[in-house]
Amino acid sequence: MAAGSLVRSALKEGARCVDRCANQKPVHRVARPLKMRWGTKSRLGTALLSDVHDMIAIRYHEFGHPAEALKVEDVDVPHPAAGEVLLRMVGRAINPSDLIPVRGAYKARISLPQTAGYDGFGVVVEGTQALKAGTRVVPMAHLGTWQEYVAVAEAECVPVPDEIPDDYASQLFINPVSVWLMVRALGLAPGAVVVANAGGSAAVRFLAQLTGVCQFRLIAIVRRAHHTEELLRLGAHAVIDSSRQPVAQTVIALTAGAGADAGLECVGGRDAVELARGLRSGAPVVQYGLLSGVSPDLAAIDSLGIRVEGFWLRNWLRSAPASVRTTAAAAVFQIIAEHRFRLDVHETFALQDVHRAVRKAETPGLCGKVLLKS
């Protein structure tokens, strides 16, 4: 299945499969229940902008290392056009997808100067009749969240459920929506086994929590043993420490010789091939990242009878209508609220302290996201 077919498959499912998943009972329970602290949402008042003319924005005028290329600048507050609302951005998670463009990976489609950031949430300060001032929302498909105010089309704003605290709202978009779309597009049967690498990532921690909701089993691959206990508590069926165990052989053993039914791969290089060796013939591997910077040997994977499919959130955002995007995101947000999913935070920095924040976010082995707040 090509990448476009994978996206179309996800779109056909729409919000209906979210409703189905939310009503299903988990196939297994975590042995030790999570003790999660859920704070309350902040009561953020609406700001009067009559005397506010400029704001802080994190921009880059050339490509390079984010800690050097990103600049803290004063720019004009945007004025919302017809059909737009003005948001005061409150919190933003730092993801690899925020930093890769700064390094120049997408030079052909990024014009400079550019404001950084994709993830985050804000509060409506200049709203519409349908979207009132004071509403917490996530702006979909918006590049440039690393600034104090953004003007966004009303149709692209997804309200944040009251039950979700601000730190969680800061990271609702990139990983949760991507992971849910990939899981639904795979069309997994109840009890199917999924193997995923980069087990310490926010994406796989979210994937582990989806196992009970969407009825599949997860084998997570990690490089650091300290992620193991957390992943098991979150819902993973098993965790493989690749520094101590052979990945493919261990997956085969855990599945009684059958191999896993699907894979989620975001590392590339040899890791991608080793993951593929643990799948049954004909199983799909969804590649959604390249953390190692090394492309996988697709010929080697193909020789195993494994199908490689690509998923890129950017492509889905471009191809799906706004109503489909916002409906899917709203449904995922509701699942997070109802099932009290964990979206861990490692450390929080002020927006203007972006250079320290970026360095921290790129530290290996973090358990939780680094946030930028304003």
Protein backbone atom coordinates (compact mmCIF):
# COMPACT_ATOMS: atom_id res chain seq x y z
CA MET A 1 0.00 0.00 0.00
CA ALA A 2 1.44 3.39 -0.97
CA ALA A 3 1.63 6.31 1.41
CA GLY A 4 -1.36 7.94 -0.29
CA SER A 5 -3.41 4.79 0.14
CA LEU A 6 -2.51 4.66 3.81
CA VAL A 7 -3.71 8.22 4.28
CA ARG A 8 -6.92 7.52 2.38
CA SER A 9 -7.53 4.47 4.54
CA ALA A 10 -7.25 6.61 7.66
CA LEU A 11 -9.61 9.21 6.24
CA LYS A 12 -12.29 6.64 5.40
CA GLU A 13 -12.29 5.50 8.98
CA GLY A 14 -12.89 9.06 10.21
CA ALA A 15 -14.33 9.58 13.64
CA ARG A 16 -16.47 6.42 13.48
CA CYS A 17 -13.61 4.14 14.49
CA VAL A 18 -12.74 6.40 17.40
CA ASP A 19 -16.24 5.92 18.71
CA ARG A 20 -15.92 2.16 18.24
CA CYS A 21 -12.59 2.08 20.04
CA ALA A 22 -13.85 4.17 22.93
CA ASN A 23 -16.70 1.73 23.54
CA GLN A 24 -14.58 -1.43 23.45
CA LYS A 25 -13.30 -3.10 26.57
CA PRO A 26 -9.56 -3.59 26.95
CA VAL A 27 -8.23 -7.04 26.14
CA HIS A 28 -5.85 -6.92 29.06
CA ARG A 29 -5.27 -4.89 32.16
CA VAL A 30 -2.03 -3.46 33.43
CA ALA A 31 -0.88 -5.42 36.44
CA ARG A 32 -0.03 -2.31 38.45
CA PRO A 33 -2.51 0.50 37.89
CA LEU A 34 -1.13 3.90 37.03
CA LYS A 35 -1.28 6.58 39.67
CA MET A 36 -1.76 9.68 37.56
CA ARG A 37 -2.23 13.21 38.73
CA TRP A 38 -4.66 15.06 36.58
CA GLY A 39 -4.63 18.77 37.24
CA THR A 40 -7.40 21.11 36.31
CA LYS A 41 -7.32 23.31 33.27
CA SER A 42 -6.07 26.82 33.83
CA ARG A 43 -8.67 29.60 34.03
CA LEU A 44 -7.02 31.88 31.51
CA GLY A 45 -8.78 35.16 31.04
CA THR A 46 -9.04 36.96 27.72
CA ALA A 47 -6.35 39.52 27.02
CA LEU A 48 -7.06 43.09 25.92
CA LEU A 49 -4.85 43.72 22.91
CA SER A 50 -5.58 47.39 22.35
CA ASP A 51 -2.23 48.34 23.89
CA VAL A 52 -0.27 45.31 22.70
CA HIS A 53 1.63 45.93 19.46
CA ASP A 54 4.50 43.45 19.45
CA MET A 55 5.24 40.00 20.78
CA ILE A 56 8.03 37.47 21.12
CA ALA A 57 8.52 35.03 18.24
CA ILE A 58 11.14 32.29 17.76
CA ARG A 59 12.35 32.60 14.19
CA TYR A 60 15.17 31.45 11.95
CA HIS A 61 16.68 33.33 9.01
CA GLU A 62 19.04 30.56 7.96
CA PHE A 63 19.21 26.83 8.40
CA GLY A 64 21.49 25.27 10.97
CA HIS A 65 21.70 23.81 14.46
CA PRO A 66 18.51 24.89 16.26
CA ALA A 67 20.36 26.18 19.34
CA GLU A 68 22.23 28.57 17.04
CA ALA A 69 19.84 29.26 14.16
CA LEU A 70 16.78 30.07 16.30
CA LYS A 71 16.47 33.73 17.27
CA VAL A 72 14.25 35.43 19.86
CA GLU A 73 12.67 38.39 18.08
CA ASP A 74 10.07 41.08 18.63
CA VAL A 75 7.45 41.08 15.87
CA ASP A 76 4.02 42.60 15.33
CA VAL A 77 0.98 40.88 16.80
CA PRO A 78 -1.02 39.43 13.85
CA HIS A 79 -4.46 40.75 13.03
CA PRO A 80 -7.03 38.00 12.37
CA ALA A 81 -8.68 38.17 8.95
CA ALA A 82 -12.26 37.24 8.22
CA GLY A 83 -12.91 33.67 9.38
CA GLU A 84 -9.88 33.69 11.70
CA VAL A 85 -9.46 33.89 15.46
CA LEU A 86 -6.55 35.25 17.45
CA LEU A 87 -4.96 32.86 19.93
CA ARG A 88 -2.63 33.62 22.80
CA MET A 89 -0.35 30.60 22.71
CA VAL A 90 0.21 29.13 26.18
CA GLY A 91 2.22 25.91 25.87
CA ARG A 92 4.15 24.06 23.19
CA ALA A 93 5.89 20.67 23.15
CA ILE A 94 9.28 20.44 21.44
CA ASN A 95 9.23 17.55 18.96
CA PRO A 96 11.83 16.32 16.44
CA SER A 97 9.45 17.55 13.72
CA ASP A 98 9.91 21.10 15.06
CA LEU A 99 13.70 20.98 14.81
CA ILE A 100 14.24 19.02 11.59
CA PRO A 101 13.04 21.94 9.37
CA VAL A 102 15.38 24.34 11.21
CA ARG A 103 18.31 22.12 10.27
CA GLY A 104 17.35 22.45 6.59
CA ALA A 105 15.84 19.07 5.79
CA TYR A 106 12.98 20.69 3.87
CA LYS A 107 14.77 23.63 2.28
CA ALA A 108 12.83 23.33 -0.95
CA ARG A 109 9.48 24.05 0.68
CA ILE A 110 10.39 26.41 3.51
CA SER A 111 10.82 30.11 2.82
CA LEU A 112 12.97 32.18 5.16
CA PRO A 113 12.64 33.81 7.60
CA GLN A 114 10.31 31.34 9.31
CA THR A 115 8.68 31.05 12.72
CA ALA A 116 9.30 27.66 14.34
CA GLY A 117 6.88 25.21 15.93
CA TYR A 118 3.95 22.94 15.06
CA ASP A 119 2.57 21.64 18.36
CA GLY A 120 0.88 23.54 21.17
CA PHE A 121 -2.35 25.06 22.43
CA GLY A 122 -3.66 28.55 23.01
CA VAL A 123 -6.58 30.53 24.35
CA VAL A 124 -8.90 32.49 22.07
CA VAL A 125 -8.54 36.22 22.73
CA GLU A 126 -10.39 37.49 19.66
CA GLY A 127 -13.07 34.98 18.79
CA THR A 128 -16.22 34.51 16.76
CA GLN A 129 -19.81 33.73 17.57
CA ALA A 130 -19.03 30.02 17.34
CA LEU A 131 -15.62 30.11 19.04
CA LYS A 132 -15.78 32.36 22.07
CA ALA A 133 -12.95 34.23 23.73
CA GLY A 134 -11.46 32.21 26.59
CA THR A 135 -11.78 28.84 24.82
CA ARG A 136 -8.69 26.61 24.93
CA VAL A 137 -7.92 25.23 21.47
CA VAL A 138 -5.26 23.39 19.49
CA PRO A 139 -4.54 25.03 16.12
CA MET A 140 -4.34 22.34 13.43
CA ALA A 141 -2.00 22.49 10.45
CA HIS A 142 -0.38 25.69 11.65
CA LEU A 143 3.34 26.34 11.29
CA GLY A 144 4.60 28.96 13.72
CA THR A 145 3.32 28.12 17.21
CA TRP A 146 6.55 29.31 18.84
CA GLN A 147 5.27 32.84 19.24
CA GLU A 148 3.00 34.55 21.72
CA TYR A 149 0.00 35.09 19.42
CA VAL A 150 -1.16 33.38 16.23
CA ALA A 151 -4.04 34.11 13.87
CA VAL A 152 -5.69 30.86 12.79
CA ALA A 153 -8.70 29.92 10.69
CA GLU A 154 -11.62 29.15 12.98
CA ALA A 155 -12.19 25.91 11.05
CA GLU A 156 -8.69 24.71 12.03
CA CYS A 157 -9.19 25.11 15.79
CA VAL A 158 -10.02 22.07 17.94
CA PRO A 159 -11.35 22.78 21.45
CA VAL A 160 -9.50 21.10 24.32
CA PRO A 161 -11.73 19.11 26.73
CA ASP A 162 -11.99 20.64 30.19
CA GLU A 163 -10.59 17.48 31.79
CA ILE A 164 -7.22 17.84 30.03
CA PRO A 165 -4.68 19.95 31.98
CA ASP A 166 -2.53 22.56 30.29
CA ASP A 167 0.69 20.51 30.22
CA TYR A 168 -1.13 17.77 28.35
CA ALA A 169 -2.85 20.25 26.04
CA SER A 170 0.60 21.50 25.02
CA GLN A 171 1.36 18.17 23.32
CA LEU A 172 -2.00 16.90 22.06
CA PHE A 173 -1.45 17.23 18.34
CA ILE A 174 1.71 15.83 16.74
CA ASN A 175 2.14 12.47 18.48
CA PRO A 176 -1.39 11.47 19.57
CA VAL A 177 -3.05 12.28 16.25
CA SER A 178 -0.26 10.68 14.20
CA VAL A 179 -0.22 7.47 16.26
CA TRP A 180 -3.98 7.10 16.20
CA LEU A 181 -4.13 7.57 12.42
CA MET A 182 -1.42 4.96 11.88
CA VAL A 183 -3.07 2.42 14.18
CA ARG A 184 -6.46 2.86 12.52
CA ALA A 185 -4.97 2.73 9.03
CA LEU A 186 -3.37 -0.65 9.81
CA GLY A 187 -6.82 -2.15 10.38
CA LEU A 188 -5.61 -4.38 13.20
CA ALA A 189 -7.72 -7.35 14.25
CA PRO A 190 -8.43 -7.73 17.99
CA GLY A 191 -5.38 -9.25 19.68
CA ALA A 192 -2.98 -8.36 16.85
CA VAL A 193 0.66 -7.86 17.81
CA VAL A 194 2.41 -4.62 16.87
CA VAL A 195 6.16 -4.12 17.31
CA ALA A 196 7.52 -0.56 17.54
CA ASN A 197 11.02 0.82 17.95
CA ALA A 198 12.05 4.06 19.68
CA GLY A 199 10.18 2.76 22.71
CA GLY A 200 11.20 5.68 24.89
CA SER A 201 9.58 8.22 22.58
CA ALA A 202 6.36 10.08 23.32
CA ALA A 203 4.77 8.41 20.29
CA VAL A 204 5.35 4.87 21.59
CA ARG A 205 4.31 5.80 25.13
CA PHE A 206 1.02 6.99 23.64
CA LEU A 207 0.83 3.84 21.52
CA ALA A 208 1.18 1.72 24.66
CA GLN A 209 -1.85 3.44 26.18
CA LEU A 210 -3.91 2.78 23.05
CA THR A 211 -3.48 -1.00 23.40
CA GLY A 212 -6.38 -1.46 25.77
CA VAL A 213 -8.65 0.96 23.93
CA CYS A 214 -8.05 -0.44 20.44
CA GLN A 215 -7.43 -4.09 21.40
CA PHE A 216 -3.92 -4.89 20.21
CA ARG A 217 -0.72 -6.00 21.92
CA LEU A 218 2.47 -3.96 21.78
CA ILE A 219 6.06 -5.15 21.81
CA ALA A 220 8.19 -2.05 22.34
CA ILE A 221 11.89 -1.91 21.47
CA VAL A 222 14.12 0.28 23.64
CA ARG A 223 17.83 1.00 23.86
CA ARG A 224 17.77 1.95 27.54
CA ALA A 225 16.39 -0.39 30.16
CA HIS A 226 15.02 2.43 32.33
CA HIS A 227 12.07 2.80 29.90
CA THR A 228 10.94 -0.80 30.43
CA GLU A 229 8.91 -0.50 33.62
CA GLU A 230 7.10 2.62 32.46
CA LEU A 231 6.10 1.07 29.13
CA LEU A 232 4.76 -2.04 30.85
CA ARG A 233 2.72 0.12 33.20
CA LEU A 234 1.35 2.11 30.31
CA GLY A 235 0.08 -1.03 28.61
CA ALA A 236 2.88 -2.62 26.56
CA HIS A 237 2.69 -6.42 26.37
CA ALA A 238 6.49 -6.78 26.37
CA VAL A 239 9.61 -4.63 26.10
CA ILE A 240 12.82 -5.64 24.33
CA ASP A 241 16.10 -3.99 25.33
CA SER A 242 18.02 -4.08 22.06
CA SER A 243 21.33 -3.54 23.88
CA ARG A 244 20.88 -6.91 25.57
CA GLN A 245 18.50 -8.97 23.43
CA PRO A 246 18.38 -9.83 19.71
CA VAL A 247 15.26 -8.01 18.49
CA ALA A 248 13.99 -10.28 15.74
CA GLN A 249 14.59 -13.54 17.62
CA THR A 250 12.92 -12.19 20.74
CA VAL A 251 9.84 -10.99 18.82
CA ILE A 252 9.52 -14.39 17.16
CA ALA A 253 9.77 -16.10 20.56
CA LEU A 254 7.19 -13.77 22.12
CA THR A 255 4.74 -14.57 19.32
CA ALA A 256 5.25 -18.35 19.55
CA GLY A 257 7.06 -18.41 16.22
CA ALA A 258 4.40 -16.56 14.26
CA GLY A 259 5.98 -13.11 14.10
CA ALA A 260 4.30 -9.79 14.77
CA ASP A 261 1.34 -8.64 12.67
CA ALA A 262 2.57 -5.10 12.02
CA GLY A 263 5.41 -2.71 12.80
CA LEU A 264 5.79 0.99 13.49
CA GLU A 265 9.27 2.18 12.62
CA CYS A 266 10.84 5.61 13.07
CA VAL A 267 14.57 4.94 13.46
CA GLY A 268 15.69 3.70 10.05
CA GLY A 269 19.02 2.09 9.19
CA ARG A 270 19.72 -1.37 10.58
CA ASP A 271 17.03 -0.95 13.24
CA ALA A 272 14.35 -0.91 10.56
CA VAL A 273 15.60 -4.15 9.00
CA GLU A 274 15.89 -5.87 12.38
CA LEU A 275 12.33 -4.87 13.25
CA ALA A 276 11.11 -6.23 9.91
CA ARG A 277 12.78 -9.59 10.57
CA GLY A 278 10.45 -10.04 13.53
CA LEU A 279 7.27 -9.75 11.45
CA ARG A 280 5.26 -12.45 9.75
CA SER A 281 5.47 -12.59 5.95
CA GLY A 282 3.16 -10.06 4.31
CA ALA A 283 2.91 -7.85 7.40
CA PRO A 284 3.11 -4.06 6.99
CA VAL A 285 5.72 -1.77 8.47
CA VAL A 286 4.72 1.86 8.74
CA GLN A 287 7.72 4.16 8.61
CA TYR A 288 6.96 7.57 10.10
CA GLY A 289 10.39 8.93 10.97
CA LEU A 290 14.13 8.63 10.50
CA LEU A 291 15.70 9.37 13.88
CA SER A 292 19.03 7.80 12.94
CA GLY A 293 19.30 9.88 9.78
CA VAL A 294 20.08 6.68 7.85
CA SER A 295 17.59 5.32 5.31
CA PRO A 296 16.60 1.68 5.79
CA ASP A 297 17.61 -0.99 3.29
CA LEU A 298 14.24 -1.29 1.57
CA ALA A 299 15.45 -4.09 -0.71
CA ALA A 300 16.42 -6.18 2.32
CA ILE A 301 13.03 -5.58 3.92
CA ASP A 302 11.20 -6.37 0.70
CA SER A 303 13.10 -9.66 0.40
CA LEU A 304 11.51 -10.70 3.71
CA GLY A 305 8.03 -10.30 2.21
CA ILE A 306 7.36 -7.24 4.36
CA ARG A 307 5.42 -4.24 3.02
CA VAL A 308 6.85 -0.81 3.84
CA GLU A 309 4.31 1.99 4.03
CA GLY A 310 5.02 5.64 4.72
CA PHE A 311 3.02 7.96 6.93
CA TRP A 312 3.76 11.67 7.19
CA LEU A 313 1.40 13.86 9.17
CA ARG A 314 2.20 16.80 6.91
CA ASN A 315 0.83 14.89 3.88
CA TRP A 316 -2.34 13.94 5.76
CA LEU A 317 -2.89 17.55 6.79
CA ARG A 318 -2.56 18.65 3.17
CA SER A 319 -4.87 15.99 1.73
CA ALA A 320 -7.64 15.76 4.34
CA PRO A 321 -10.44 18.36 4.42
CA ALA A 322 -10.46 20.66 7.44
CA SER A 323 -13.64 19.03 8.77
CA VAL A 324 -12.00 15.59 8.69
CA ARG A 325 -8.85 16.87 10.39
CA THR A 326 -10.65 18.61 13.22
CA THR A 327 -13.17 15.79 13.74
CA ALA A 328 -10.40 13.19 13.98
CA ALA A 329 -8.35 15.33 16.36
CA ALA A 330 -11.36 16.11 18.56
CA ALA A 331 -12.13 12.40 18.86
CA VAL A 332 -8.54 11.60 19.86
CA PHE A 333 -8.61 14.39 22.44
CA GLN A 334 -11.80 12.93 23.89
CA ILE A 335 -10.22 9.48 24.20
CA ILE A 336 -7.29 11.03 26.07
CA ALA A 337 -9.69 12.82 28.41
CA GLU A 338 -12.00 9.86 29.05
CA HIS A 339 -9.25 7.29 29.55
CA ARG A 340 -6.95 9.69 31.40
CA PHE A 341 -3.94 8.99 29.23
CA ARG A 342 -0.54 10.18 30.41
CA LEU A 343 1.40 12.73 28.37
CA ASP A 344 4.50 13.18 30.50
CA VAL A 345 6.48 16.40 30.85
CA HIS A 346 10.20 16.34 31.59
CA GLU A 347 10.83 20.06 32.03
CA THR A 348 9.28 23.44 31.23
CA PHE A 349 11.04 26.55 29.93
CA ALA A 350 9.93 30.09 29.14
CA LEU A 351 9.51 30.78 25.43
CA GLN A 352 12.44 33.22 25.40
CA ASP A 353 14.65 30.52 26.94
CA VAL A 354 14.31 28.48 23.77
CA HIS A 355 18.01 27.71 23.36
CA ARG A 356 18.29 25.93 26.71
CA ALA A 357 14.99 24.21 26.02
CA VAL A 358 16.15 22.88 22.65
CA ARG A 359 19.38 21.53 24.10
CA LYS A 360 17.43 19.78 26.84
CA ALA A 361 14.89 18.35 24.38
CA GLU A 362 17.69 16.74 22.37
CA THR A 363 19.18 15.01 25.42
CA PRO A 364 18.93 11.22 24.89
CA GLY A 365 16.76 9.16 27.22
CA LEU A 366 14.31 11.80 28.46
CA CYS A 367 11.03 10.51 29.89
CA GLY A 368 8.55 13.17 28.85
CA LYS A 369 8.40 16.24 26.67
CA VAL A 370 10.18 19.54 27.08
CA LEU A 371 7.66 22.39 26.96
CA LEU A 372 7.90 26.03 26.00
CA LYS A 373 5.45 28.25 27.88
CA SER A 374 4.46 31.88 27.66
